[in-house]
Amino acid sequence: MKKRILSPLGRILVFSFIHAAPEGLEQLGPYPIALVKLDDGPTILTQITDYDPSTLSEGQRVQGVFRKLFAVDTKSVIQYGIKFRPVVF
């Protein structure tokens, strides 16, 4: 397998809000997920963060950011990963 560094920038192809979060993550809902087409070509399914619901749109530029994904409770290890947020010009 060849490793490749991908651009953290892309565009929202389509998005939806999750209102019924999976068991154990109910405190996260509602939250948006989107198919994001990265500038380098791949399309990924990702959570959107740091957004204004009234301005979230298809075609919107986004960038990858390192964020807390979840912690089931106060005794659990906090899970971190990449989410995407709207690019602010």
PDB file of N, CA and C in Angstrom:
ATOM      1  N   MET A   1       0.840  -1.166   0.000  1.00  0.00           N
ATOM      2  CA  MET A   1       0.000   0.000   0.000  1.00  0.00           C
ATOM      3  C   MET A   1       0.895   1.242   0.000  1.00  0.00           C
ATOM      4  N   LYS A   2       0.614   2.157  -0.908  1.00  0.00           N
ATOM      5  CA  LYS A   2       1.375   3.386  -1.007  1.00  0.00           C
ATOM      6  C   LYS A   2       0.720   4.465  -0.143  1.00  0.00           C
ATOM      7  N   LYS A   3       1.505   5.083   0.740  1.00  0.00           N
ATOM      8  CA  LYS A   3       0.985   6.156   1.579  1.00  0.00           C
ATOM      9  C   LYS A   3       0.944   7.440   0.773  1.00  0.00           C
ATOM     10  N   ARG A   4      -0.085   8.244   1.054  1.00  0.00           N
ATOM     11  CA  ARG A   4      -0.241   9.492   0.335  1.00  0.00           C
ATOM     12  C   ARG A   4      -0.827  10.541   1.281  1.00  0.00           C
ATOM     13  N   ILE A   5      -0.265  11.730   1.271  1.00  0.00           N
ATOM     14  CA  ILE A   5      -0.787  12.828   2.076  1.00  0.00           C
ATOM     15  C   ILE A   5      -1.831  13.554   1.245  1.00  0.00           C
ATOM     16  N   LEU A   6      -3.036  13.676   1.801  1.00  0.00           N
ATOM     17  CA  LEU A   6      -4.140  14.313   1.094  1.00  0.00           C
ATOM     18  C   LEU A   6      -4.338  15.749   1.566  1.00  0.00           C
ATOM     19  N   SER A   7      -4.852  16.560   0.687  1.00  0.00           N
ATOM     20  CA  SER A   7      -5.194  17.933   1.024  1.00  0.00           C
ATOM     21  C   SER A   7      -6.290  17.929   2.087  1.00  0.00           C
ATOM     22  N   PRO A   8      -6.228  18.836   3.054  1.00  0.00           N
ATOM     23  CA  PRO A   8      -7.299  18.931   4.050  1.00  0.00           C
ATOM     24  C   PRO A   8      -8.469  19.781   3.558  1.00  0.00           C
ATOM     25  N   LEU A   9      -8.436  20.204   2.301  1.00  0.00           N
ATOM     26  CA  LEU A   9      -9.477  21.072   1.755  1.00  0.00           C
ATOM     27  C   LEU A   9     -10.377  20.325   0.788  1.00  0.00           C
ATOM     28  N   GLY A  10     -11.652  20.729   0.750  1.00  0.00           N
ATOM     29  CA  GLY A  10     -12.588  20.108  -0.163  1.00  0.00           C
ATOM     30  C   GLY A  10     -13.892  20.879  -0.221  1.00  0.00           C
ATOM     31  N   ARG A  11     -14.918  20.242  -0.827  1.00  0.00           N
ATOM     32  CA  ARG A  11     -16.247  20.835  -0.963  1.00  0.00           C
ATOM     33  C   ARG A  11     -17.308  19.830  -0.519  1.00  0.00           C
ATOM     34  N   ILE A  12     -18.367  20.344   0.096  1.00  0.00           N
ATOM     35  CA  ILE A  12     -19.492  19.507   0.488  1.00  0.00           C
ATOM     36  C   ILE A  12     -20.276  19.136  -0.770  1.00  0.00           C
ATOM     37  N   LEU A  13     -20.423  17.836  -1.016  1.00  0.00           N
ATOM     38  CA  LEU A  13     -21.243  17.378  -2.134  1.00  0.00           C
ATOM     39  C   LEU A  13     -22.714  17.323  -1.719  1.00  0.00           C
ATOM     40  N   VAL A  14     -22.955  16.743  -0.557  1.00  0.00           N
ATOM     41  CA  VAL A  14     -24.306  16.616  -0.013  1.00  0.00           C
ATOM     42  C   VAL A  14     -24.174  16.444   1.500  1.00  0.00           C
ATOM     43  N   PHE A  15     -25.176  16.909   2.257  1.00  0.00           N
ATOM     44  CA  PHE A  15     -25.123  16.768   3.710  1.00  0.00           C
ATOM     45  C   PHE A  15     -26.509  16.475   4.261  1.00  0.00           C
ATOM     46  N   SER A  16     -26.520  15.975   5.500  1.00  0.00           N
ATOM     47  CA  SER A  16     -27.765  15.687   6.194  1.00  0.00           C
ATOM     48  C   SER A  16     -27.507  15.820   7.688  1.00  0.00           C
ATOM     49  N   PHE A  17     -28.576  16.069   8.440  1.00  0.00           N
ATOM     50  CA  PHE A  17     -28.453  16.134   9.899  1.00  0.00           C
ATOM     51  C   PHE A  17     -28.887  14.819  10.511  1.00  0.00           C
ATOM     52  N   ILE A  18     -28.076  14.313  11.430  1.00  0.00           N
ATOM     53  CA  ILE A  18     -28.394  13.110  12.195  1.00  0.00           C
ATOM     54  C   ILE A  18     -29.145  13.558  13.447  1.00  0.00           C
ATOM     55  N   HIS A  19     -30.398  13.140  13.555  1.00  0.00           N
ATOM     56  CA  HIS A  19     -31.213  13.505  14.719  1.00  0.00           C
ATOM     57  C   HIS A  19     -31.292  12.377  15.735  1.00  0.00           C
ATOM     58  N   ALA A  20     -31.110  11.142  15.294  1.00  0.00           N
ATOM     59  CA  ALA A  20     -31.129   9.981  16.185  1.00  0.00           C
ATOM     60  C   ALA A  20     -29.726   9.373  16.179  1.00  0.00           C
ATOM     61  N   ALA A  21     -28.876   9.872  17.067  1.00  0.00           N
ATOM     62  CA  ALA A  21     -27.489   9.416  17.141  1.00  0.00           C
ATOM     63  C   ALA A  21     -27.420   7.963  17.616  1.00  0.00           C
ATOM     64  N   PRO A  22     -26.344   7.253  17.286  1.00  0.00           N
ATOM     65  CA  PRO A  22     -26.187   5.874  17.725  1.00  0.00           C
ATOM     66  C   PRO A  22     -26.179   5.767  19.258  1.00  0.00           C
ATOM     67  N   GLU A  23     -26.526   4.592  19.746  1.00  0.00           N
ATOM     68  CA  GLU A  23     -26.547   4.344  21.191  1.00  0.00           C
ATOM     69  C   GLU A  23     -25.211   4.716  21.811  1.00  0.00           C
ATOM     70  N   GLY A  24     -25.282   5.455  22.896  1.00  0.00           N
ATOM     71  CA  GLY A  24     -24.087   5.896  23.598  1.00  0.00           C
ATOM     72  C   GLY A  24     -23.601   7.266  23.142  1.00  0.00           C
ATOM     73  N   LEU A  25     -24.113   7.735  22.014  1.00  0.00           N
ATOM     74  CA  LEU A  25     -23.690   9.040  21.478  1.00  0.00           C
ATOM     75  C   LEU A  25     -24.878  10.000  21.339  1.00  0.00           C
ATOM     76  N   GLU A  26     -25.942   9.728  22.038  1.00  0.00           N
ATOM     77  CA  GLU A  26     -27.159  10.531  21.931  1.00  0.00           C
ATOM     78  C   GLU A  26     -26.911  12.012  22.215  1.00  0.00           C
ATOM     79  N   GLN A  27     -25.953  12.309  23.091  1.00  0.00           N
ATOM     80  CA  GLN A  27     -25.681  13.697  23.466  1.00  0.00           C
ATOM     81  C   GLN A  27     -25.122  14.515  22.307  1.00  0.00           C
ATOM     82  N   LEU A  28     -24.700  13.864  21.234  1.00  0.00           N
ATOM     83  CA  LEU A  28     -24.123  14.577  20.094  1.00  0.00           C
ATOM     84  C   LEU A  28     -25.181  15.141  19.139  1.00  0.00           C
ATOM     85  N   GLY A  29     -26.370  14.534  19.097  1.00  0.00           N
ATOM     86  CA  GLY A  29     -27.365  14.910  18.099  1.00  0.00           C
ATOM     87  C   GLY A  29     -28.095  16.198  18.437  1.00  0.00           C
ATOM     88  N   PRO A  30     -28.654  16.882  17.458  1.00  0.00           N
ATOM     89  CA  PRO A  30     -28.450  16.622  16.033  1.00  0.00           C
ATOM     90  C   PRO A  30     -27.107  17.186  15.561  1.00  0.00           C
ATOM     91  N   TYR A  31     -26.514  16.521  14.571  1.00  0.00           N
ATOM     92  CA  TYR A  31     -25.247  16.984  14.010  1.00  0.00           C
ATOM     93  C   TYR A  31     -25.208  16.659  12.518  1.00  0.00           C
ATOM     94  N   PRO A  32     -24.485  17.466  11.733  1.00  0.00           N
ATOM     95  CA  PRO A  32     -24.435  17.233  10.295  1.00  0.00           C
ATOM     96  C   PRO A  32     -23.308  16.281   9.901  1.00  0.00           C
ATOM     97  N   ILE A  33     -23.612  15.426   8.924  1.00  0.00           N
ATOM     98  CA  ILE A  33     -22.587  14.629   8.267  1.00  0.00           C
ATOM     99  C   ILE A  33     -22.641  14.989   6.788  1.00  0.00           C
ATOM    100  N   ALA A  34     -21.534  14.788   6.095  1.00  0.00           N
ATOM    101  CA  ALA A  34     -21.491  15.190   4.688  1.00  0.00           C
ATOM    102  C   ALA A  34     -20.570  14.286   3.893  1.00  0.00           C
ATOM    103  N   LEU A  35     -20.860  14.187   2.611  1.00  0.00           N
ATOM    104  CA  LEU A  35     -19.904  13.625   1.663  1.00  0.00           C
ATOM    105  C   LEU A  35     -19.076  14.806   1.196  1.00  0.00           C
ATOM    106  N   VAL A  36     -17.773  14.734   1.450  1.00  0.00           N
ATOM    107  CA  VAL A  36     -16.860  15.815   1.091  1.00  0.00           C
ATOM    108  C   VAL A  36     -15.905  15.312   0.019  1.00  0.00           C
ATOM    109  N   LYS A  37     -15.846  16.026  -1.084  1.00  0.00           N
ATOM    110  CA  LYS A  37     -14.912  15.723  -2.178  1.00  0.00           C
ATOM    111  C   LYS A  37     -13.648  16.526  -1.897  1.00  0.00           C
ATOM    112  N   LEU A  38     -12.565  15.816  -1.563  1.00  0.00           N
ATOM    113  CA  LEU A  38     -11.304  16.486  -1.282  1.00  0.00           C
ATOM    114  C   LEU A  38     -10.696  17.040  -2.568  1.00  0.00           C
ATOM    115  N   ASP A  39      -9.917  18.101  -2.437  1.00  0.00           N
ATOM    116  CA  ASP A  39      -9.272  18.700  -3.603  1.00  0.00           C
ATOM    117  C   ASP A  39      -8.384  17.704  -4.336  1.00  0.00           C
ATOM    118  N   ASP A  40      -7.865  16.702  -3.629  1.00  0.00           N
ATOM    119  CA  ASP A  40      -6.994  15.685  -4.241  1.00  0.00           C
ATOM    120  C   ASP A  40      -7.764  14.565  -4.927  1.00  0.00           C
ATOM    121  N   GLY A  41      -9.083  14.562  -4.823  1.00  0.00           N
ATOM    122  CA  GLY A  41      -9.861  13.568  -5.544  1.00  0.00           C
ATOM    123  C   GLY A  41     -10.772  12.667  -4.743  1.00  0.00           C
ATOM    124  N   PRO A  42     -10.330  12.078  -3.621  1.00  0.00           N
ATOM    125  CA  PRO A  42     -11.201  11.153  -2.900  1.00  0.00           C
ATOM    126  C   PRO A  42     -12.436  11.844  -2.315  1.00  0.00           C
ATOM    127  N   THR A  43     -13.505  11.084  -2.160  1.00  0.00           N
ATOM    128  CA  THR A  43     -14.716  11.552  -1.487  1.00  0.00           C
ATOM    129  C   THR A  43     -14.834  10.791  -0.180  1.00  0.00           C
ATOM    130  N   ILE A  44     -15.069  11.518   0.911  1.00  0.00           N
ATOM    131  CA  ILE A  44     -15.146  10.884   2.224  1.00  0.00           C
ATOM    132  C   ILE A  44     -16.445  11.275   2.923  1.00  0.00           C
ATOM    133  N   LEU A  45     -16.917  10.405   3.807  1.00  0.00           N
ATOM    134  CA  LEU A  45     -18.059  10.694   4.670  1.00  0.00           C
ATOM    135  C   LEU A  45     -17.489  11.208   5.982  1.00  0.00           C
ATOM    136  N   THR A  46     -17.944  12.368   6.426  1.00  0.00           N
ATOM    137  CA  THR A  46     -17.358  12.993   7.602  1.00  0.00           C
ATOM    138  C   THR A  46     -18.385  13.819   8.360  1.00  0.00           C
ATOM    139  N   GLN A  47     -18.076  14.112   9.603  1.00  0.00           N
ATOM    140  CA  GLN A  47     -18.920  14.991  10.405  1.00  0.00           C
ATOM    141  C   GLN A  47     -18.478  16.433  10.162  1.00  0.00           C
ATOM    142  N   ILE A  48     -19.443  17.354  10.131  1.00  0.00           N
ATOM    143  CA  ILE A  48     -19.158  18.777   9.995  1.00  0.00           C
ATOM    144  C   ILE A  48     -19.210  19.406  11.382  1.00  0.00           C
ATOM    145  N   THR A  49     -18.260  20.313  11.666  1.00  0.00           N
ATOM    146  CA  THR A  49     -18.182  20.970  12.962  1.00  0.00           C
ATOM    147  C   THR A  49     -18.013  22.475  12.763  1.00  0.00           C
ATOM    148  N   ASP A  50     -18.172  23.241  13.828  1.00  0.00           N
ATOM    149  CA  ASP A  50     -17.954  24.698  13.794  1.00  0.00           C
ATOM    150  C   ASP A  50     -18.735  25.353  12.660  1.00  0.00           C
ATOM    151  N   TYR A  51     -20.011  25.062  12.566  1.00  0.00           N
ATOM    152  CA  TYR A  51     -20.824  25.519  11.448  1.00  0.00           C
ATOM    153  C   TYR A  51     -22.001  26.369  11.927  1.00  0.00           C
ATOM    154  N   ASP A  52     -22.548  27.144  11.016  1.00  0.00           N
ATOM    155  CA  ASP A  52     -23.780  27.892  11.231  1.00  0.00           C
ATOM    156  C   ASP A  52     -24.850  27.167  10.420  1.00  0.00           C
ATOM    157  N   PRO A  53     -25.860  26.574  11.062  1.00  0.00           N
ATOM    158  CA  PRO A  53     -26.859  25.795  10.329  1.00  0.00           C
ATOM    159  C   PRO A  53     -27.543  26.575   9.204  1.00  0.00           C
ATOM    160  N   SER A  54     -27.673  27.880   9.361  1.00  0.00           N
ATOM    161  CA  SER A  54     -28.367  28.676   8.340  1.00  0.00           C
ATOM    162  C   SER A  54     -27.519  28.913   7.095  1.00  0.00           C
ATOM    163  N   THR A  55     -26.208  28.677   7.182  1.00  0.00           N
ATOM    164  CA  THR A  55     -25.346  28.919   6.020  1.00  0.00           C
ATOM    165  C   THR A  55     -24.700  27.652   5.462  1.00  0.00           C
ATOM    166  N   LEU A  56     -24.933  26.505   6.098  1.00  0.00           N
ATOM    167  CA  LEU A  56     -24.366  25.250   5.603  1.00  0.00           C
ATOM    168  C   LEU A  56     -25.004  24.914   4.263  1.00  0.00           C
ATOM    169  N   SER A  57     -24.175  24.602   3.247  1.00  0.00           N
ATOM    170  CA  SER A  57     -24.741  24.371   1.917  1.00  0.00           C
ATOM    171  C   SER A  57     -23.881  23.418   1.095  1.00  0.00           C
ATOM    172  N   GLU A  58     -24.521  22.805   0.106  1.00  0.00           N
ATOM    173  CA  GLU A  58     -23.801  21.980  -0.853  1.00  0.00           C
ATOM    174  C   GLU A  58     -22.881  22.891  -1.660  1.00  0.00           C
ATOM    175  N   GLY A  59     -21.684  22.406  -1.959  1.00  0.00           N
ATOM    176  CA  GLY A  59     -20.705  23.200  -2.683  1.00  0.00           C
ATOM    177  C   GLY A  59     -19.825  24.055  -1.794  1.00  0.00           C
ATOM    178  N   GLN A  60     -20.158  24.131  -0.508  1.00  0.00           N
ATOM    179  CA  GLN A  60     -19.398  24.956   0.432  1.00  0.00           C
ATOM    180  C   GLN A  60     -17.992  24.392   0.635  1.00  0.00           C
ATOM    181  N   ARG A  61     -16.995  25.288   0.665  1.00  0.00           N
ATOM    182  CA  ARG A  61     -15.623  24.883   0.930  1.00  0.00           C
ATOM    183  C   ARG A  61     -15.471  24.513   2.404  1.00  0.00           C
ATOM    184  N   VAL A  62     -14.739  23.431   2.666  1.00  0.00           N
ATOM    185  CA  VAL A  62     -14.483  22.974   4.031  1.00  0.00           C
ATOM    186  C   VAL A  62     -13.021  22.579   4.175  1.00  0.00           C
ATOM    187  N   GLN A  63     -12.583  22.523   5.419  1.00  0.00           N
ATOM    188  CA  GLN A  63     -11.210  22.107   5.711  1.00  0.00           C
ATOM    189  C   GLN A  63     -11.205  21.130   6.873  1.00  0.00           C
ATOM    190  N   GLY A  64     -10.286  20.183   6.821  1.00  0.00           N
ATOM    191  CA  GLY A  64     -10.163  19.201   7.886  1.00  0.00           C
ATOM    192  C   GLY A  64      -9.531  19.801   9.124  1.00  0.00           C
ATOM    193  N   VAL A  65     -10.066  19.435  10.288  1.00  0.00           N
ATOM    194  CA  VAL A  65      -9.546  19.898  11.572  1.00  0.00           C
ATOM    195  C   VAL A  65      -9.547  18.728  12.557  1.00  0.00           C
ATOM    196  N   PHE A  66      -8.633  18.751  13.507  1.00  0.00           N
ATOM    197  CA  PHE A  66      -8.519  17.723  14.534  1.00  0.00           C
ATOM    198  C   PHE A  66      -9.458  18.091  15.673  1.00  0.00           C
ATOM    199  N   ARG A  67     -10.404  17.222  15.976  1.00  0.00           N
ATOM    200  CA  ARG A  67     -11.417  17.516  16.984  1.00  0.00           C
ATOM    201  C   ARG A  67     -11.729  16.288  17.837  1.00  0.00           C
ATOM    202  N   LYS A  68     -12.346  16.544  18.978  1.00  0.00           N
ATOM    203  CA  LYS A  68     -12.863  15.472  19.832  1.00  0.00           C
ATOM    204  C   LYS A  68     -14.008  14.804  19.086  1.00  0.00           C
ATOM    205  N   LEU A  69     -13.970  13.487  18.978  1.00  0.00           N
ATOM    206  CA  LEU A  69     -15.058  12.746  18.353  1.00  0.00           C
ATOM    207  C   LEU A  69     -16.112  12.397  19.383  1.00  0.00           C
ATOM    208  N   PHE A  70     -15.685  11.787  20.484  1.00  0.00           N
ATOM    209  CA  PHE A  70     -16.629  11.462  21.548  1.00  0.00           C
ATOM    210  C   PHE A  70     -15.907  10.905  22.766  1.00  0.00           C
ATOM    211  N   ALA A  71     -16.612  10.917  23.882  1.00  0.00           N
ATOM    212  CA  ALA A  71     -16.217  10.235  25.115  1.00  0.00           C
ATOM    213  C   ALA A  71     -17.523   9.678  25.667  1.00  0.00           C
ATOM    214  N   VAL A  72     -17.599   8.389  25.845  1.00  0.00           N
ATOM    215  CA  VAL A  72     -18.844   7.760  26.277  1.00  0.00           C
ATOM    216  C   VAL A  72     -19.251   8.239  27.669  1.00  0.00           C
ATOM    217  N   ASP A  73     -18.282   8.379  28.546  1.00  0.00           N
ATOM    218  CA  ASP A  73     -18.560   8.906  29.885  1.00  0.00           C
ATOM    219  C   ASP A  73     -17.284   9.547  30.416  1.00  0.00           C
ATOM    220  N   THR A  74     -17.327  10.054  31.652  1.00  0.00           N
ATOM    221  CA  THR A  74     -16.179  10.774  32.213  1.00  0.00           C
ATOM    222  C   THR A  74     -14.998   9.861  32.523  1.00  0.00           C
ATOM    223  N   LYS A  75     -15.218   8.546  32.553  1.00  0.00           N
ATOM    224  CA  LYS A  75     -14.138   7.602  32.844  1.00  0.00           C
ATOM    225  C   LYS A  75     -13.532   7.000  31.577  1.00  0.00           C
ATOM    226  N   SER A  76     -14.121   7.299  30.417  1.00  0.00           N
ATOM    227  CA  SER A  76     -13.648   6.728  29.153  1.00  0.00           C
ATOM    228  C   SER A  76     -12.520   7.552  28.559  1.00  0.00           C
ATOM    229  N   VAL A  77     -11.774   6.910  27.703  1.00  0.00           N
ATOM    230  CA  VAL A  77     -10.751   7.604  26.938  1.00  0.00           C
ATOM    231  C   VAL A  77     -11.459   8.463  25.897  1.00  0.00           C
ATOM    232  N   ILE A  78     -11.030   9.709  25.743  1.00  0.00           N
ATOM    233  CA  ILE A  78     -11.617  10.598  24.746  1.00  0.00           C
ATOM    234  C   ILE A  78     -11.061  10.213  23.377  1.00  0.00           C
ATOM    235  N   GLN A  79     -11.947  10.059  22.408  1.00  0.00           N
ATOM    236  CA  GLN A  79     -11.561   9.703  21.048  1.00  0.00           C
ATOM    237  C   GLN A  79     -11.433  10.983  20.210  1.00  0.00           C
ATOM    238  N   TYR A  80     -10.296  11.144  19.532  1.00  0.00           N
ATOM    239  CA  TYR A  80     -10.068  12.303  18.673  1.00  0.00           C
ATOM    240  C   TYR A  80      -9.929  11.850  17.231  1.00  0.00           C
ATOM    241  N   GLY A  81     -10.199  12.756  16.306  1.00  0.00           N
ATOM    242  CA  GLY A  81     -10.058  12.441  14.894  1.00  0.00           C
ATOM    243  C   GLY A  81     -10.297  13.666  14.034  1.00  0.00           C
ATOM    244  N   ILE A  82     -10.477  13.439  12.751  1.00  0.00           N
ATOM    245  CA  ILE A  82     -10.659  14.530  11.795  1.00  0.00           C
ATOM    246  C   ILE A  82     -12.142  14.758  11.524  1.00  0.00           C
ATOM    247  N   LYS A  83     -12.560  16.007  11.623  1.00  0.00           N
ATOM    248  CA  LYS A  83     -13.871  16.470  11.201  1.00  0.00           C
ATOM    249  C   LYS A  83     -13.591  17.580  10.195  1.00  0.00           C
ATOM    250  N   PHE A  84     -14.628  18.091   9.563  1.00  0.00           N
ATOM    251  CA  PHE A  84     -14.449  19.186   8.627  1.00  0.00           C
ATOM    252  C   PHE A  84     -15.280  20.370   9.059  1.00  0.00           C
ATOM    253  N   ARG A  85     -14.761  21.574   8.821  1.00  0.00           N
ATOM    254  CA  ARG A  85     -15.488  22.798   9.137  1.00  0.00           C
ATOM    255  C   ARG A  85     -15.485  23.717   7.924  1.00  0.00           C
ATOM    256  N   PRO A  86     -16.489  24.602   7.837  1.00  0.00           N
ATOM    257  CA  PRO A  86     -16.509  25.547   6.723  1.00  0.00           C
ATOM    258  C   PRO A  86     -15.258  26.416   6.713  1.00  0.00           C
ATOM    259  N   VAL A  87     -14.745  26.688   5.528  1.00  0.00           N
ATOM    260  CA  VAL A  87     -13.590  27.580   5.384  1.00  0.00           C
ATOM    261  C   VAL A  87     -14.093  29.014   5.515  1.00  0.00           C
ATOM    262  N   VAL A  88     -13.426  29.784   6.347  1.00  0.00           N
ATOM    263  CA  VAL A  88     -13.797  31.182   6.536  1.00  0.00           C
ATOM    264  C   VAL A  88     -12.774  32.036   5.799  1.00  0.00           C
ATOM    265  N   PHE A  89     -13.270  32.865   4.900  1.00  0.00           N
ATOM    266  CA  PHE A  89     -12.366  33.737   4.127  1.00  0.00           C
ATOM    267  C   PHE A  89     -12.266  35.099   4.751  1.00  0.00           C
TER     268      PHE A  89
END
